[in-house]
C-alpha atoms as a PDB file:
ATOM      1  CA  UNK A   1     -51.061 -12.327 -51.737  1.00  0.00           C
ATOM      2  CA  UNK A   2     -50.392  -8.973 -50.124  1.00  0.00           C
ATOM      3  CA  UNK A   3     -52.153 -10.074 -46.943  1.00  0.00           C
ATOM      4  CA  UNK A   4     -50.003 -13.183 -46.844  1.00  0.00           C
ATOM      5  CA  UNK A   5     -46.858 -11.106 -47.022  1.00  0.00           C
ATOM      6  CA  UNK A   6     -48.068  -8.862 -44.201  1.00  0.00           C
ATOM      7  CA  UNK A   7     -48.874 -11.830 -41.979  1.00  0.00           C
ATOM      8  CA  UNK A   8     -45.468 -13.355 -42.809  1.00  0.00           C
ATOM      9  CA  UNK A   9     -43.684 -10.154 -41.774  1.00  0.00           C
ATOM     10  CA  UNK A  10     -45.669  -9.980 -38.544  1.00  0.00           C
ATOM     11  CA  UNK A  11     -44.762 -13.554 -37.646  1.00  0.00           C
ATOM     12  CA  UNK A  12     -41.076 -12.840 -38.299  1.00  0.00           C
ATOM     13  CA  UNK A  13     -41.289  -9.657 -36.234  1.00  0.00           C
ATOM     14  CA  UNK A  14     -42.967 -11.421 -33.311  1.00  0.00           C
ATOM     15  CA  UNK A  15     -40.393 -14.221 -33.368  1.00  0.00           C
ATOM     16  CA  UNK A  16     -37.491 -11.733 -33.415  1.00  0.00           C
ATOM     17  CA  UNK A  17     -38.835  -9.839 -30.390  1.00  0.00           C
ATOM     18  CA  UNK A  18     -39.125 -13.060 -28.454  1.00  0.00           C
ATOM     19  CA  UNK A  19     -35.564 -13.955 -29.302  1.00  0.00           C
ATOM     20  CA  UNK A  20     -34.412 -10.485 -28.287  1.00  0.00           C
ATOM     21  CA  UNK A  21     -36.018 -10.830 -24.868  1.00  0.00           C
ATOM     22  CA  UNK A  22     -34.304 -14.181 -24.367  1.00  0.00           C
ATOM     23  CA  UNK A  23     -30.948 -12.766 -25.468  1.00  0.00           C
ATOM     24  CA  UNK A  24     -31.301  -9.803 -23.098  1.00  0.00           C
ATOM     25  CA  UNK A  25     -32.111 -12.157 -20.239  1.00  0.00           C
ATOM     26  CA  UNK A  26     -29.078 -14.319 -21.055  1.00  0.00           C
ATOM     27  CA  UNK A  27     -26.825 -11.248 -21.206  1.00  0.00           C
ATOM     28  CA  UNK A  28     -28.133 -10.054 -17.834  1.00  0.00           C
ATOM     29  CA  UNK A  29     -27.366 -13.446 -16.292  1.00  0.00           C
ATOM     30  CA  UNK A  30     -23.889 -13.499 -17.837  1.00  0.00           C
ATOM     31  CA  UNK A  31     -23.137  -9.991 -16.564  1.00  0.00           C
ATOM     32  CA  UNK A  32     -24.246 -11.006 -13.068  1.00  0.00           C
ATOM     33  CA  UNK A  33     -21.958 -14.038 -13.241  1.00  0.00           C
ATOM     34  CA  UNK A  34     -19.025 -12.087 -14.666  1.00  0.00           C
ATOM     35  CA  UNK A  35     -19.118  -9.121 -12.269  1.00  0.00           C
ATOM     36  CA  UNK A  36     -17.315 -10.926  -9.412  1.00  0.00           C
ATOM     37  CA  UNK A  37     -14.662 -12.153 -11.848  1.00  0.00           C
ATOM     38  CA  UNK A  38     -14.233  -8.651 -13.281  1.00  0.00           C
ATOM     39  CA  UNK A  39     -13.977  -7.204  -9.774  1.00  0.00           C
ATOM     40  CA  UNK A  40     -11.342  -9.783  -8.855  1.00  0.00           C
ATOM     41  CA  UNK A  41      -9.423  -9.044 -12.058  1.00  0.00           C
ATOM     42  CA  UNK A  42      -9.435  -5.320 -11.245  1.00  0.00           C
ATOM     43  CA  UNK A  43      -8.248  -6.030  -7.698  1.00  0.00           C
ATOM     44  CA  UNK A  44      -5.423  -8.187  -9.064  1.00  0.00           C
ATOM     45  CA  UNK A  45      -4.439  -5.398 -11.452  1.00  0.00           C
ATOM     46  CA  UNK A  46      -4.413  -2.906  -8.571  1.00  0.00           C
ATOM     47  CA  UNK A  47      -2.378  -5.279  -6.404  1.00  0.00           C
ATOM     48  CA  UNK A  48       0.253  -5.691  -9.125  1.00  0.00           C
ATOM     49  CA  UNK A  49       0.360  -1.924  -9.751  1.00  0.00           C
ATOM     50  CA  UNK A  50       0.769  -1.346  -6.006  1.00  0.00           C
ATOM     51  CA  UNK A  51       3.611  -3.883  -5.842  1.00  0.00           C
ATOM     52  CA  UNK A  52       5.340  -2.110  -8.727  1.00  0.00           C
ATOM     53  CA  UNK A  53       5.112   1.211  -6.869  1.00  0.00           C
ATOM     54  CA  UNK A  54       6.676  -0.381  -3.812  1.00  0.00           C
ATOM     55  CA  UNK A  55       9.461  -1.821  -5.972  1.00  0.00           C
ATOM     56  CA  UNK A  56      10.092   1.657  -7.383  1.00  0.00           C
ATOM     57  CA  UNK A  57      10.218   3.071  -3.861  1.00  0.00           C
ATOM     58  CA  UNK A  58      12.573   0.232  -2.948  1.00  0.00           C
ATOM     59  CA  UNK A  59      14.911   1.288  -5.748  1.00  0.00           C
ATOM     60  CA  UNK A  60      14.790   4.834  -4.383  1.00  0.00           C
ATOM     61  CA  UNK A  61      15.748   3.546  -0.931  1.00  0.00           C
ATOM     62  CA  UNK A  62      18.697   1.650  -2.434  1.00  0.00           C
ATOM     63  CA  UNK A  63      19.947   4.842  -4.084  1.00  0.00           C
ATOM     64  CA  UNK A  64      19.394   6.799  -0.874  1.00  0.00           C
ATOM     65  CA  UNK A  65      21.370   4.257   1.158  1.00  0.00           C
ATOM     66  CA  UNK A  66      24.252   4.335  -1.303  1.00  0.00           C
ATOM     67  CA  UNK A  67      24.579   8.089  -0.709  1.00  0.00           C
ATOM     68  CA  UNK A  68      24.006   8.043   3.059  1.00  0.00           C
ATOM     69  CA  UNK A  69      26.640   5.602   4.275  1.00  0.00           C
ATOM     70  CA  UNK A  70      23.960   2.872   4.405  1.00  0.00           C
ATOM     71  CA  UNK A  71      21.907   4.790   6.986  1.00  0.00           C
ATOM     72  CA  UNK A  72      18.122   4.677   6.564  1.00  0.00           C
ATOM     73  CA  UNK A  73      16.223   7.972   6.492  1.00  0.00           C
ATOM     74  CA  UNK A  74      14.569   8.979   9.737  1.00  0.00           C
ATOM     75  CA  UNK A  75      10.886   9.824   9.858  1.00  0.00           C
ATOM     76  CA  UNK A  76       9.426  12.988  11.332  1.00  0.00           C
ATOM     77  CA  UNK A  77       5.979  12.893  12.904  1.00  0.00           C
ATOM     78  CA  UNK A  78       5.597  16.664  13.128  1.00  0.00           C
ATOM     79  CA  UNK A  79       2.661  17.774  10.962  1.00  0.00           C
ATOM     80  CA  UNK A  80       3.044  20.157   8.049  1.00  0.00           C
ATOM     81  CA  UNK A  81       6.847  19.869   7.717  1.00  0.00           C
ATOM     82  CA  UNK A  82       6.845  17.667   4.634  1.00  0.00           C
ATOM     83  CA  UNK A  83      10.518  18.271   3.912  1.00  0.00           C
ATOM     84  CA  UNK A  84      11.514  16.096   6.881  1.00  0.00           C
ATOM     85  CA  UNK A  85       9.544  12.992   5.954  1.00  0.00           C
ATOM     86  CA  UNK A  86      11.082   9.864   4.430  1.00  0.00           C
ATOM     87  CA  UNK A  87       8.766   9.910   1.433  1.00  0.00           C
ATOM     88  CA  UNK A  88       9.824  13.320   0.137  1.00  0.00           C
ATOM     89  CA  UNK A  89      13.404  12.069  -0.001  1.00  0.00           C
ATOM     90  CA  UNK A  90      12.187   9.208  -2.183  1.00  0.00           C
ATOM     91  CA  UNK A  91      10.215  11.620  -4.374  1.00  0.00           C
ATOM     92  CA  UNK A  92      13.368  13.687  -4.862  1.00  0.00           C
ATOM     93  CA  UNK A  93      15.285  10.584  -5.941  1.00  0.00           C
ATOM     94  CA  UNK A  94      12.455   9.559  -8.279  1.00  0.00           C
ATOM     95  CA  UNK A  95      12.506  13.042  -9.829  1.00  0.00           C
ATOM     96  CA  UNK A  96       8.929  13.832  -8.776  1.00  0.00           C
ATOM     97  CA  UNK A  97       8.146  17.445  -7.880  1.00  0.00           C
ATOM     98  CA  UNK A  98       6.460  17.741  -4.475  1.00  0.00           C
ATOM     99  CA  UNK A  99       7.275  21.207  -3.120  1.00  0.00           C
ATOM    100  CA  UNK A 100       4.531  22.818  -5.165  1.00  0.00           C
ATOM    101  CA  UNK A 101       2.282  19.743  -5.291  1.00  0.00           C
ATOM    102  CA  UNK A 102      -1.352  20.200  -4.341  1.00  0.00           C
ATOM    103  CA  UNK A 103      -2.395  16.578  -4.782  1.00  0.00           C
ATOM    104  CA  UNK A 104      -0.779  13.352  -3.651  1.00  0.00           C
ATOM    105  CA  UNK A 105       1.815  12.023  -6.127  1.00  0.00           C
ATOM    106  CA  UNK A 106       0.671   8.790  -7.744  1.00  0.00           C
ATOM    107  CA  UNK A 107       3.773   6.945  -6.502  1.00  0.00           C
ATOM    108  CA  UNK A 108       2.563   7.324  -2.909  1.00  0.00           C
ATOM    109  CA  UNK A 109      -1.019   6.198  -3.509  1.00  0.00           C
ATOM    110  CA  UNK A 110      -2.087   2.548  -3.604  1.00  0.00           C
ATOM    111  CA  UNK A 111      -4.499   1.954  -6.538  1.00  0.00           C
ATOM    112  CA  UNK A 112      -6.747  -0.126  -4.267  1.00  0.00           C
ATOM    113  CA  UNK A 113      -7.237   2.744  -1.821  1.00  0.00           C
ATOM    114  CA  UNK A 114     -10.947   3.254  -1.284  1.00  0.00           C
ATOM    115  CA  UNK A 115     -10.762   7.008  -0.717  1.00  0.00           C
ATOM    116  CA  UNK A 116      -8.386   8.633  -3.166  1.00  0.00           C
ATOM    117  CA  UNK A 117      -6.273  11.203  -1.379  1.00  0.00           C
ATOM    118  CA  UNK A 118      -6.443  14.744  -2.668  1.00  0.00           C
ATOM    119  CA  UNK A 119      -4.357  16.898  -0.350  1.00  0.00           C
ATOM    120  CA  UNK A 120      -0.590  16.408  -0.321  1.00  0.00           C
ATOM    121  CA  UNK A 121      -0.169  15.468   3.323  1.00  0.00           C
ATOM    122  CA  UNK A 122       1.693  12.976   5.494  1.00  0.00           C
ATOM    123  CA  UNK A 123      -1.696  11.641   6.566  1.00  0.00           C
ATOM    124  CA  UNK A 124      -2.529  10.608   3.003  1.00  0.00           C
ATOM    125  CA  UNK A 125       0.511   8.506   2.145  1.00  0.00           C
ATOM    126  CA  UNK A 126      -0.616   4.958   1.350  1.00  0.00           C
ATOM    127  CA  UNK A 127       2.571   3.298   2.543  1.00  0.00           C
ATOM    128  CA  UNK A 128       3.939   3.019   6.070  1.00  0.00           C
ATOM    129  CA  UNK A 129       7.642   3.047   6.891  1.00  0.00           C
ATOM    130  CA  UNK A 130       9.071   0.651   9.496  1.00  0.00           C
ATOM    131  CA  UNK A 131       9.942   3.618  11.660  1.00  0.00           C
ATOM    132  CA  UNK A 132      10.782   2.072  15.018  1.00  0.00           C
ATOM    133  CA  UNK A 133      13.267  -0.339  13.471  1.00  0.00           C
ATOM    134  CA  UNK A 134      14.754   1.339  10.401  1.00  0.00           C
ATOM    135  CA  UNK A 135      14.278   4.957  11.349  1.00  0.00           C
ATOM    136  CA  UNK A 136      15.958   4.727  14.743  1.00  0.00           C
ATOM    137  CA  UNK A 137      19.425   4.112  16.101  1.00  0.00           C
ATOM    138  CA  UNK A 138      18.939   2.418  19.395  1.00  0.00           C
ATOM    139  CA  UNK A 139      19.825   3.808  22.802  1.00  0.00           C
ATOM    140  CA  UNK A 140      22.009   0.775  23.493  1.00  0.00           C
ATOM    141  CA  UNK A 141      24.336   2.079  20.788  1.00  0.00           C
ATOM    142  CA  UNK A 142      24.679   5.432  22.530  1.00  0.00           C
ATOM    143  CA  UNK A 143      22.856   7.468  19.905  1.00  0.00           C
ATOM    144  CA  UNK A 144      20.565   9.254  22.351  1.00  0.00           C
ATOM    145  CA  UNK A 145      16.860   9.553  21.593  1.00  0.00           C
ATOM    146  CA  UNK A 146      14.988   6.745  19.902  1.00  0.00           C
ATOM    147  CA  UNK A 147      14.214   8.819  16.811  1.00  0.00           C
ATOM    148  CA  UNK A 148      17.550  10.614  16.587  1.00  0.00           C
ATOM    149  CA  UNK A 149      18.653   9.061  13.281  1.00  0.00           C
ATOM    150  CA  UNK A 150      18.176   6.147  10.937  1.00  0.00           C
ATOM    151  CA  UNK A 151      19.417   2.634  11.561  1.00  0.00           C
ATOM    152  CA  UNK A 152      22.272   1.269   9.471  1.00  0.00           C
ATOM    153  CA  UNK A 153      21.464  -1.229   6.717  1.00  0.00           C
ATOM    154  CA  UNK A 154      24.601  -3.248   7.388  1.00  0.00           C
ATOM    155  CA  UNK A 155      23.313  -4.116  10.875  1.00  0.00           C
ATOM    156  CA  UNK A 156      20.329  -6.041   9.503  1.00  0.00           C
ATOM    157  CA  UNK A 157      20.984  -9.773   9.597  1.00  0.00           C
ATOM    158  CA  UNK A 158      18.018 -10.930   7.527  1.00  0.00           C
ATOM    159  CA  UNK A 159      16.954  -8.147   5.138  1.00  0.00           C
ATOM    160  CA  UNK A 160      14.617 -10.513   3.276  1.00  0.00           C
ATOM    161  CA  UNK A 161      12.577 -10.908   6.484  1.00  0.00           C
ATOM    162  CA  UNK A 162      12.398  -7.306   7.698  1.00  0.00           C
ATOM    163  CA  UNK A 163       9.690  -4.937   6.492  1.00  0.00           C
ATOM    164  CA  UNK A 164      10.726  -1.630   4.957  1.00  0.00           C
ATOM    165  CA  UNK A 165       7.356  -0.365   3.701  1.00  0.00           C
ATOM    166  CA  UNK A 166       3.839  -1.755   3.774  1.00  0.00           C
ATOM    167  CA  UNK A 167       0.342  -0.856   2.671  1.00  0.00           C
ATOM    168  CA  UNK A 168      -1.329   1.003   5.511  1.00  0.00           C
ATOM    169  CA  UNK A 169      -4.963   1.437   6.433  1.00  0.00           C
ATOM    170  CA  UNK A 170      -7.043   4.291   4.974  1.00  0.00           C
ATOM    171  CA  UNK A 171      -6.512   7.307   6.100  1.00  0.00           C
ATOM    172  CA  UNK A 172      -5.252   8.927   9.291  1.00  0.00           C
ATOM    173  CA  UNK A 173      -6.670  12.354  10.174  1.00  0.00           C
ATOM    174  CA  UNK A 174      -4.547  15.352   9.205  1.00  0.00           C
ATOM    175  CA  UNK A 175      -4.013  16.101  12.881  1.00  0.00           C
ATOM    176  CA  UNK A 176      -2.372  12.677  13.351  1.00  0.00           C
ATOM    177  CA  UNK A 177      -0.129  12.092  10.335  1.00  0.00           C
ATOM    178  CA  UNK A 178       1.455   8.883  11.583  1.00  0.00           C
ATOM    179  CA  UNK A 179      -0.113   6.820   8.841  1.00  0.00           C
ATOM    180  CA  UNK A 180       3.069   7.145   6.793  1.00  0.00           C
ATOM    181  CA  UNK A 181       4.878   5.111   9.467  1.00  0.00           C
ATOM    182  CA  UNK A 182       4.551   1.630  10.929  1.00  0.00           C
ATOM    183  CA  UNK A 183       5.093   2.044  14.635  1.00  0.00           C
ATOM    184  CA  UNK A 184       5.189  -0.296  17.613  1.00  0.00           C
ATOM    185  CA  UNK A 185       2.609   1.543  19.648  1.00  0.00           C
ATOM    186  CA  UNK A 186      -1.107   0.737  19.703  1.00  0.00           C
ATOM    187  CA  UNK A 187      -2.047   3.451  17.227  1.00  0.00           C
ATOM    188  CA  UNK A 188      -5.174   2.640  15.255  1.00  0.00           C
ATOM    189  CA  UNK A 189      -4.239   4.910  12.344  1.00  0.00           C
ATOM    190  CA  UNK A 190      -0.930   3.219  11.724  1.00  0.00           C
ATOM    191  CA  UNK A 191      -0.976  -0.482  10.975  1.00  0.00           C
ATOM    192  CA  UNK A 192      -0.717  -2.710   7.886  1.00  0.00           C
ATOM    193  CA  UNK A 193      -3.757  -2.698   5.667  1.00  0.00           C
ATOM    194  CA  UNK A 194      -6.023  -5.409   4.294  1.00  0.00           C
ATOM    195  CA  UNK A 195      -6.870  -3.954   0.909  1.00  0.00           C
ATOM    196  CA  UNK A 196      -5.337  -6.788  -1.119  1.00  0.00           C
ATOM    197  CA  UNK A 197      -7.054 -10.136  -0.457  1.00  0.00           C
ATOM    198  CA  UNK A 198      -7.263  -9.356   3.261  1.00  0.00           C
ATOM    199  CA  UNK A 199      -3.593  -8.487   3.233  1.00  0.00           C
ATOM    200  CA  UNK A 200      -0.979  -5.890   2.403  1.00  0.00           C
ATOM    201  CA  UNK A 201       1.833  -5.631  -0.100  1.00  0.00           C
ATOM    202  CA  UNK A 202       5.092  -5.525   1.845  1.00  0.00           C
ATOM    203  CA  UNK A 203       8.448  -4.218   0.627  1.00  0.00           C
ATOM    204  CA  UNK A 204      11.269  -5.968   2.473  1.00  0.00           C
ATOM    205  CA  UNK A 205      14.758  -4.649   3.108  1.00  0.00           C
ATOM    206  CA  UNK A 206      16.213  -6.740   0.289  1.00  0.00           C
ATOM    207  CA  UNK A 207      13.837  -4.870  -2.087  1.00  0.00           C
ATOM    208  CA  UNK A 208      11.526  -7.801  -2.836  1.00  0.00           C
ATOM    209  CA  UNK A 209       7.755  -7.321  -2.518  1.00  0.00           C
ATOM    210  CA  UNK A 210       5.443  -9.938  -1.060  1.00  0.00           C
ATOM    211  CA  UNK A 211       1.744 -10.118  -0.206  1.00  0.00           C
ATOM    212  CA  UNK A 212       1.173 -10.795   3.502  1.00  0.00           C
ATOM    213  CA  UNK A 213      -2.129 -11.418   5.242  1.00  0.00           C
ATOM    214  CA  UNK A 214      -3.024  -8.735   7.748  1.00  0.00           C
ATOM    215  CA  UNK A 215      -3.425 -11.490  10.345  1.00  0.00           C
ATOM    216  CA  UNK A 216       0.278 -12.332   9.921  1.00  0.00           C
ATOM    217  CA  UNK A 217       1.338  -8.748  10.512  1.00  0.00           C
ATOM    218  CA  UNK A 218      -0.856  -7.815  13.455  1.00  0.00           C
ATOM    219  CA  UNK A 219      -0.973  -8.947  17.059  1.00  0.00           C
ATOM    220  CA  UNK A 220      -4.676  -9.448  16.413  1.00  0.00           C
ATOM    221  CA  UNK A 221      -7.190  -7.988  13.999  1.00  0.00           C
ATOM    222  CA  UNK A 222      -9.325  -6.865  16.942  1.00  0.00           C
ATOM    223  CA  UNK A 223      -6.665  -4.795  18.729  1.00  0.00           C
ATOM    224  CA  UNK A 224      -5.251  -3.520  15.422  1.00  0.00           C
ATOM    225  CA  UNK A 225      -1.723  -3.247  16.778  1.00  0.00           C
ATOM    226  CA  UNK A 226       1.528  -4.518  15.310  1.00  0.00           C
ATOM    227  CA  UNK A 227       2.637  -7.890  16.556  1.00  0.00           C
ATOM    228  CA  UNK A 228       5.407  -7.261  19.083  1.00  0.00           C
ATOM    229  CA  UNK A 229       6.724 -10.788  18.558  1.00  0.00           C
ATOM    230  CA  UNK A 230       6.589 -10.542  14.795  1.00  0.00           C
ATOM    231  CA  UNK A 231       9.872 -10.828  12.937  1.00  0.00           C
ATOM    232  CA  UNK A 232       8.580  -8.802   9.977  1.00  0.00           C
ATOM    233  CA  UNK A 233       9.127  -5.546  11.869  1.00  0.00           C
ATOM    234  CA  UNK A 234      12.357  -6.436  13.654  1.00  0.00           C
ATOM    235  CA  UNK A 235      11.023  -6.540  17.201  1.00  0.00           C
ATOM    236  CA  UNK A 236      13.445  -8.139  19.594  1.00  0.00           C
ATOM    237  CA  UNK A 237      15.980  -6.435  17.351  1.00  0.00           C
ATOM    238  CA  UNK A 238      18.979  -8.185  18.910  1.00  0.00           C
ATOM    239  CA  UNK A 239      17.882 -11.267  16.973  1.00  0.00           C
ATOM    240  CA  UNK A 240      17.665  -9.411  13.689  1.00  0.00           C
ATOM    241  CA  UNK A 241      20.539  -6.926  13.618  1.00  0.00           C
ATOM    242  CA  UNK A 242      24.277  -7.227  14.083  1.00  0.00           C
ATOM    243  CA  UNK A 243      25.505  -5.856  17.378  1.00  0.00           C
END
């Protein structure tokens, strides 16, 4: 009788181990199948969080414009003088301390960025400003140098079609801090990114945010230069601003 009980327990034990192996194998297969979906879900979460940061920055721009006679902030390319950059003005409006900051404020960092920035630097800002269009009053208006002052918001004919900020590519070197600006020159450190579904979140001048494919924003993905005929950046500005 005792031997029968022992054999019965052994048979139950053997059967349970077999089931466990099968269950483990099934779980491994399910995990392998779910990983791409989980990765996509995380990317979607990051994309939405990034869009929300751009919307917050857009609100800061609106408040800035209301206090500056509708003139956009200019951008300064000179390294190490953070107080002259557009983004510190937005941080001031958002109430975020930056003068003593050692690390990049979260508002300026896209969650999908592969290499998280550590040093507070113009080179590590995730978002590029449409510098050549919004940050410049044009020579035809008699304002002198191209980067002398910001453009006026009231001159923009189609604000829903003109880029204000965009995701930019990871990261420019500290010696070339132009990554915080979208410029018209062929500068490989300063062009819209492809971190969100091969595209970039774009904040337009009417404060709405939209996902745009990098191929829409660039002249070509091989030259990695902004499209000079692309309306998103206001090139051929006579068609996009009031004279």
